[in-house]
């Protein structure tokens, strides 16, 4: 039985609009457009390094092993945080596997081999 973390957060309470924008770009990533939209670059965010499920705005499911890193970043922006340990369903496990990127997979495999 694999467990995960359900993390709910709200950043806007104690921060101004500029800090909230900075958080969203760092956490989720963003599309950078140049030359009046002619070129589009995908800028990866913090979450692109970890398998996750974005349930809705301010609510994510992540592996329990990675929850500490996410909490640390949220605390950096003085976010209101609520976290619960949950049991992952088979569908959740499949979504988390599908959201893995190649870098994370290599990192996890190397850690398991040690």
N, C-alpha and C. Protein backbone atom coordinates (compact mmCIF):
# COMPACT_ATOMS: atom_id res chain seq x y z
N UNK A 1 0.85 -1.17 0.00
CA UNK A 1 0.00 0.00 0.00
C UNK A 1 0.90 1.25 0.00
N UNK A 2 0.76 2.05 -1.03
CA UNK A 2 1.58 3.25 -1.17
C UNK A 2 0.80 4.46 -0.67
N UNK A 3 1.51 5.32 0.06
CA UNK A 3 0.86 6.52 0.58
C UNK A 3 1.39 7.75 -0.15
N UNK A 4 0.58 8.77 -0.13
CA UNK A 4 0.95 10.04 -0.74
C UNK A 4 0.55 11.17 0.19
N UNK A 5 0.83 12.37 -0.23
CA UNK A 5 0.49 13.54 0.57
C UNK A 5 -0.49 14.41 -0.22
N UNK A 6 -1.56 14.76 0.42
CA UNK A 6 -2.52 15.71 -0.14
C UNK A 6 -2.18 17.05 0.48
N UNK A 7 -1.73 17.99 -0.34
CA UNK A 7 -1.28 19.29 0.15
C UNK A 7 -2.18 20.38 -0.41
N UNK A 8 -2.76 21.12 0.51
CA UNK A 8 -3.57 22.29 0.17
C UNK A 8 -2.82 23.53 0.63
N UNK A 9 -2.77 24.54 -0.23
CA UNK A 9 -2.02 25.74 0.13
C UNK A 9 -2.66 26.99 -0.43
N UNK A 10 -2.38 28.11 0.26
CA UNK A 10 -2.86 29.41 -0.18
C UNK A 10 -1.73 30.40 0.04
N UNK A 11 -1.28 31.06 -1.01
CA UNK A 11 -0.14 31.95 -0.93
C UNK A 11 -0.55 33.41 -0.80
N UNK A 12 -1.69 33.77 -1.31
CA UNK A 12 -2.05 35.18 -1.45
C UNK A 12 -2.30 35.93 -0.15
N UNK A 13 -2.52 35.26 0.95
CA UNK A 13 -2.89 35.92 2.19
C UNK A 13 -1.94 37.01 2.66
N UNK A 14 -0.67 36.68 2.82
CA UNK A 14 0.30 37.62 3.39
C UNK A 14 1.21 38.26 2.35
N UNK A 15 1.03 37.94 1.10
CA UNK A 15 1.93 38.40 0.04
C UNK A 15 1.24 39.40 -0.88
N UNK A 16 2.04 40.25 -1.50
CA UNK A 16 1.48 41.15 -2.49
C UNK A 16 1.42 40.44 -3.84
N UNK A 17 0.85 41.09 -4.82
CA UNK A 17 0.63 40.47 -6.13
C UNK A 17 1.94 40.05 -6.79
N UNK A 18 2.99 40.83 -6.63
CA UNK A 18 4.28 40.51 -7.23
C UNK A 18 4.85 39.21 -6.67
N UNK A 19 4.76 39.02 -5.36
CA UNK A 19 5.27 37.79 -4.74
C UNK A 19 4.43 36.57 -5.13
N UNK A 20 3.13 36.75 -5.26
CA UNK A 20 2.26 35.65 -5.68
C UNK A 20 2.62 35.24 -7.10
N UNK A 21 2.84 36.21 -7.97
CA UNK A 21 3.25 35.92 -9.34
C UNK A 21 4.59 35.19 -9.37
N UNK A 22 5.53 35.67 -8.59
CA UNK A 22 6.85 35.04 -8.52
C UNK A 22 6.73 33.59 -8.05
N UNK A 23 5.87 33.36 -7.04
CA UNK A 23 5.65 32.00 -6.54
C UNK A 23 5.09 31.10 -7.64
N UNK A 24 4.05 31.56 -8.32
CA UNK A 24 3.41 30.74 -9.36
C UNK A 24 4.40 30.36 -10.45
N UNK A 25 5.23 31.29 -10.85
CA UNK A 25 6.23 31.00 -11.88
C UNK A 25 7.25 30.00 -11.39
N UNK A 26 7.71 30.16 -10.15
CA UNK A 26 8.71 29.24 -9.60
C UNK A 26 8.11 27.86 -9.33
N UNK A 27 6.88 27.81 -8.87
CA UNK A 27 6.26 26.55 -8.47
C UNK A 27 5.74 25.75 -9.66
N UNK A 28 4.96 26.40 -10.53
CA UNK A 28 4.32 25.70 -11.64
C UNK A 28 5.10 25.79 -12.96
N UNK A 29 5.90 26.84 -13.14
CA UNK A 29 6.55 27.09 -14.42
C UNK A 29 5.68 28.03 -15.24
N UNK A 30 6.15 28.38 -16.42
CA UNK A 30 5.40 29.31 -17.26
C UNK A 30 5.90 29.26 -18.70
N UNK A 31 5.12 29.86 -19.60
CA UNK A 31 5.52 29.97 -20.99
C UNK A 31 6.08 31.37 -21.22
N UNK A 32 7.29 31.42 -21.71
CA UNK A 32 7.97 32.67 -21.98
C UNK A 32 7.85 32.96 -23.47
N UNK A 33 7.29 34.10 -23.81
CA UNK A 33 7.09 34.46 -25.22
C UNK A 33 7.99 35.64 -25.58
N UNK A 34 8.58 35.56 -26.77
CA UNK A 34 9.43 36.66 -27.23
C UNK A 34 9.08 37.01 -28.67
N UNK A 35 9.51 38.20 -29.06
CA UNK A 35 9.28 38.69 -30.42
C UNK A 35 7.79 38.67 -30.78
N UNK A 36 6.99 39.25 -29.88
CA UNK A 36 5.54 39.37 -30.05
C UNK A 36 4.86 38.01 -30.23
N UNK A 37 5.31 37.02 -29.49
CA UNK A 37 4.70 35.70 -29.52
C UNK A 37 5.21 34.78 -30.60
N UNK A 38 6.19 35.22 -31.34
CA UNK A 38 6.72 34.39 -32.42
C UNK A 38 7.45 33.16 -31.87
N UNK A 39 8.13 33.36 -30.76
CA UNK A 39 8.86 32.26 -30.13
C UNK A 39 8.27 32.01 -28.74
N UNK A 40 8.07 30.74 -28.42
CA UNK A 40 7.51 30.37 -27.12
C UNK A 40 8.45 29.35 -26.48
N UNK A 41 8.83 29.64 -25.23
CA UNK A 41 9.73 28.76 -24.48
C UNK A 41 9.01 28.28 -23.23
N UNK A 42 9.07 27.00 -22.98
CA UNK A 42 8.47 26.41 -21.79
C UNK A 42 9.50 26.46 -20.66
N UNK A 43 9.23 27.26 -19.64
CA UNK A 43 10.12 27.35 -18.47
C UNK A 43 9.58 26.42 -17.40
N UNK A 44 10.37 25.46 -17.02
CA UNK A 44 9.92 24.47 -16.04
C UNK A 44 9.90 25.07 -14.64
N UNK A 45 8.99 24.57 -13.84
CA UNK A 45 8.87 25.01 -12.47
C UNK A 45 9.34 23.94 -11.50
N UNK A 46 9.19 24.24 -10.24
CA UNK A 46 9.60 23.33 -9.17
C UNK A 46 8.88 21.99 -9.27
N UNK A 47 7.58 22.01 -9.54
CA UNK A 47 6.80 20.78 -9.59
C UNK A 47 7.17 19.88 -10.75
N UNK A 48 7.80 20.41 -11.79
CA UNK A 48 8.16 19.56 -12.92
C UNK A 48 9.25 18.55 -12.55
N UNK A 49 9.90 18.75 -11.40
CA UNK A 49 10.93 17.82 -10.92
C UNK A 49 10.33 16.64 -10.16
N UNK A 50 9.06 16.71 -9.80
CA UNK A 50 8.43 15.70 -8.97
C UNK A 50 7.14 15.20 -9.63
N UNK A 51 6.86 13.90 -9.49
CA UNK A 51 5.56 13.43 -9.99
C UNK A 51 4.46 13.98 -9.10
N UNK A 52 3.41 14.51 -9.70
CA UNK A 52 2.34 15.12 -8.93
C UNK A 52 1.04 15.07 -9.71
N UNK A 53 -0.05 15.27 -8.99
CA UNK A 53 -1.37 15.41 -9.60
C UNK A 53 -1.92 16.73 -9.11
N UNK A 54 -2.22 17.63 -10.04
CA UNK A 54 -2.82 18.91 -9.67
C UNK A 54 -4.33 18.70 -9.68
N UNK A 55 -4.92 18.60 -8.50
CA UNK A 55 -6.34 18.32 -8.36
C UNK A 55 -7.15 19.55 -8.74
N UNK A 56 -6.80 20.67 -8.18
CA UNK A 56 -7.41 21.96 -8.51
C UNK A 56 -6.47 23.05 -8.02
N UNK A 57 -6.88 24.27 -8.14
CA UNK A 57 -6.03 25.39 -7.73
C UNK A 57 -5.67 25.28 -6.25
N UNK A 58 -4.38 25.22 -5.97
CA UNK A 58 -3.91 25.17 -4.59
C UNK A 58 -4.06 23.81 -3.92
N UNK A 59 -4.24 22.74 -4.70
CA UNK A 59 -4.41 21.41 -4.13
C UNK A 59 -3.70 20.39 -5.00
N UNK A 60 -2.68 19.73 -4.44
CA UNK A 60 -1.91 18.75 -5.20
C UNK A 60 -1.77 17.46 -4.41
N UNK A 61 -1.54 16.36 -5.14
CA UNK A 61 -1.20 15.07 -4.55
C UNK A 61 0.21 14.76 -5.01
N UNK A 62 1.06 14.37 -4.06
CA UNK A 62 2.47 14.10 -4.36
C UNK A 62 2.90 12.90 -3.52
N UNK A 63 3.97 12.23 -3.93
CA UNK A 63 4.50 11.12 -3.14
C UNK A 63 4.92 11.63 -1.77
N UNK A 64 4.75 10.80 -0.76
CA UNK A 64 5.07 11.20 0.62
C UNK A 64 6.56 11.54 0.76
N UNK A 65 7.42 10.86 0.00
CA UNK A 65 8.86 11.12 0.06
C UNK A 65 9.21 12.54 -0.37
N UNK A 66 8.43 13.12 -1.28
CA UNK A 66 8.72 14.42 -1.85
C UNK A 66 8.00 15.57 -1.13
N UNK A 67 7.13 15.24 -0.19
CA UNK A 67 6.30 16.26 0.46
C UNK A 67 7.14 17.29 1.22
N UNK A 68 8.23 16.87 1.83
CA UNK A 68 9.07 17.80 2.59
C UNK A 68 9.64 18.90 1.73
N UNK A 69 10.08 18.56 0.51
CA UNK A 69 10.63 19.57 -0.40
C UNK A 69 9.56 20.59 -0.80
N UNK A 70 8.36 20.10 -1.05
CA UNK A 70 7.26 20.99 -1.44
C UNK A 70 6.90 21.91 -0.28
N UNK A 71 6.82 21.36 0.91
CA UNK A 71 6.48 22.15 2.10
C UNK A 71 7.53 23.24 2.32
N UNK A 72 8.81 22.89 2.13
CA UNK A 72 9.89 23.89 2.30
C UNK A 72 9.70 25.08 1.37
N UNK A 73 9.38 24.81 0.10
CA UNK A 73 9.19 25.91 -0.85
C UNK A 73 7.96 26.74 -0.47
N UNK A 74 6.88 26.08 -0.06
CA UNK A 74 5.68 26.81 0.32
C UNK A 74 5.93 27.69 1.55
N UNK A 75 6.71 27.20 2.49
CA UNK A 75 7.03 28.00 3.67
C UNK A 75 7.88 29.21 3.32
N UNK A 76 8.71 29.08 2.28
CA UNK A 76 9.53 30.20 1.82
C UNK A 76 8.66 31.40 1.42
N UNK A 77 7.46 31.11 0.90
CA UNK A 77 6.54 32.17 0.46
C UNK A 77 5.43 32.44 1.49
N UNK A 78 5.62 31.99 2.72
CA UNK A 78 4.65 32.22 3.80
C UNK A 78 3.24 31.76 3.44
N UNK A 79 3.15 30.61 2.83
CA UNK A 79 1.84 30.07 2.43
C UNK A 79 1.14 29.44 3.61
N UNK A 80 -0.20 29.46 3.55
CA UNK A 80 -1.00 28.71 4.51
C UNK A 80 -1.04 27.27 3.98
N UNK A 81 -0.60 26.30 4.79
CA UNK A 81 -0.44 24.93 4.31
C UNK A 81 -1.28 23.98 5.15
N UNK A 82 -1.93 23.05 4.45
CA UNK A 82 -2.65 21.96 5.10
C UNK A 82 -2.23 20.68 4.40
N UNK A 83 -1.74 19.68 5.16
CA UNK A 83 -1.28 18.44 4.55
C UNK A 83 -1.84 17.23 5.29
N UNK A 84 -2.23 16.23 4.53
CA UNK A 84 -2.69 14.96 5.09
C UNK A 84 -2.04 13.82 4.32
N UNK A 85 -1.72 12.75 5.03
CA UNK A 85 -1.23 11.54 4.38
C UNK A 85 -2.45 10.76 3.89
N UNK A 86 -2.39 10.31 2.65
CA UNK A 86 -3.52 9.58 2.06
C UNK A 86 -3.02 8.27 1.45
N UNK A 87 -3.92 7.34 1.28
CA UNK A 87 -3.62 6.09 0.59
C UNK A 87 -3.92 6.30 -0.88
N UNK A 88 -2.93 6.03 -1.73
CA UNK A 88 -3.10 6.25 -3.16
C UNK A 88 -3.86 5.10 -3.81
N UNK A 89 -4.85 5.42 -4.60
CA UNK A 89 -5.57 4.43 -5.38
C UNK A 89 -4.72 4.02 -6.57
N UNK A 90 -5.12 2.95 -7.22
CA UNK A 90 -4.38 2.48 -8.39
C UNK A 90 -4.34 3.58 -9.47
N UNK A 91 -5.45 4.27 -9.67
CA UNK A 91 -5.51 5.34 -10.68
C UNK A 91 -4.54 6.47 -10.32
N UNK A 92 -4.44 6.79 -9.04
CA UNK A 92 -3.51 7.84 -8.59
C UNK A 92 -2.07 7.43 -8.86
N UNK A 93 -1.75 6.17 -8.57
CA UNK A 93 -0.39 5.68 -8.82
C UNK A 93 -0.04 5.77 -10.30
N UNK A 94 -1.00 5.44 -11.16
CA UNK A 94 -0.77 5.51 -12.61
C UNK A 94 -0.56 6.95 -13.06
N UNK A 95 -1.33 7.88 -12.53
CA UNK A 95 -1.16 9.29 -12.89
C UNK A 95 0.19 9.82 -12.43
N UNK A 96 0.62 9.41 -11.25
CA UNK A 96 1.91 9.84 -10.75
C UNK A 96 3.04 9.28 -11.60
N UNK A 97 2.91 8.03 -12.04
CA UNK A 97 3.92 7.44 -12.92
C UNK A 97 3.96 8.17 -14.26
N UNK A 98 2.79 8.53 -14.76
CA UNK A 98 2.71 9.21 -16.06
C UNK A 98 3.29 10.62 -16.00
N UNK A 99 3.25 11.24 -14.82
CA UNK A 99 3.74 12.61 -14.72
C UNK A 99 5.25 12.68 -14.47
N UNK A 100 5.90 11.54 -14.37
CA UNK A 100 7.35 11.54 -14.17
C UNK A 100 8.05 12.08 -15.39
N UNK A 101 9.09 12.86 -15.17
CA UNK A 101 9.92 13.25 -16.30
C UNK A 101 11.18 12.40 -16.27
N UNK A 102 11.96 12.45 -17.32
CA UNK A 102 13.12 11.58 -17.47
C UNK A 102 14.17 11.83 -16.39
N UNK A 103 14.38 13.07 -16.04
CA UNK A 103 15.39 13.41 -15.04
C UNK A 103 15.04 12.79 -13.69
N UNK A 104 13.78 12.89 -13.30
CA UNK A 104 13.36 12.35 -12.02
C UNK A 104 13.49 10.83 -12.01
N UNK A 105 13.11 10.20 -13.11
CA UNK A 105 13.19 8.74 -13.21
C UNK A 105 14.63 8.28 -13.02
N UNK A 106 15.57 8.93 -13.68
CA UNK A 106 16.98 8.56 -13.54
C UNK A 106 17.44 8.75 -12.10
N UNK A 107 17.03 9.86 -11.48
CA UNK A 107 17.43 10.15 -10.10
C UNK A 107 16.90 9.07 -9.16
N UNK A 108 15.65 8.68 -9.33
CA UNK A 108 15.02 7.66 -8.47
C UNK A 108 15.67 6.30 -8.65
N UNK A 109 15.97 5.92 -9.90
CA UNK A 109 16.61 4.63 -10.19
C UNK A 109 18.00 4.56 -9.56
N UNK A 110 18.76 5.64 -9.68
CA UNK A 110 20.10 5.67 -9.09
C UNK A 110 20.04 5.54 -7.57
N UNK A 111 19.05 6.18 -6.94
CA UNK A 111 18.90 6.08 -5.49
C UNK A 111 18.52 4.66 -5.05
N UNK A 112 17.69 3.98 -5.85
CA UNK A 112 17.27 2.63 -5.51
C UNK A 112 18.42 1.63 -5.68
N UNK A 113 19.34 1.90 -6.60
CA UNK A 113 20.45 1.00 -6.83
C UNK A 113 21.50 1.08 -5.73
N UNK A 114 21.55 2.21 -5.02
CA UNK A 114 22.56 2.39 -3.97
C UNK A 114 22.27 1.58 -2.74
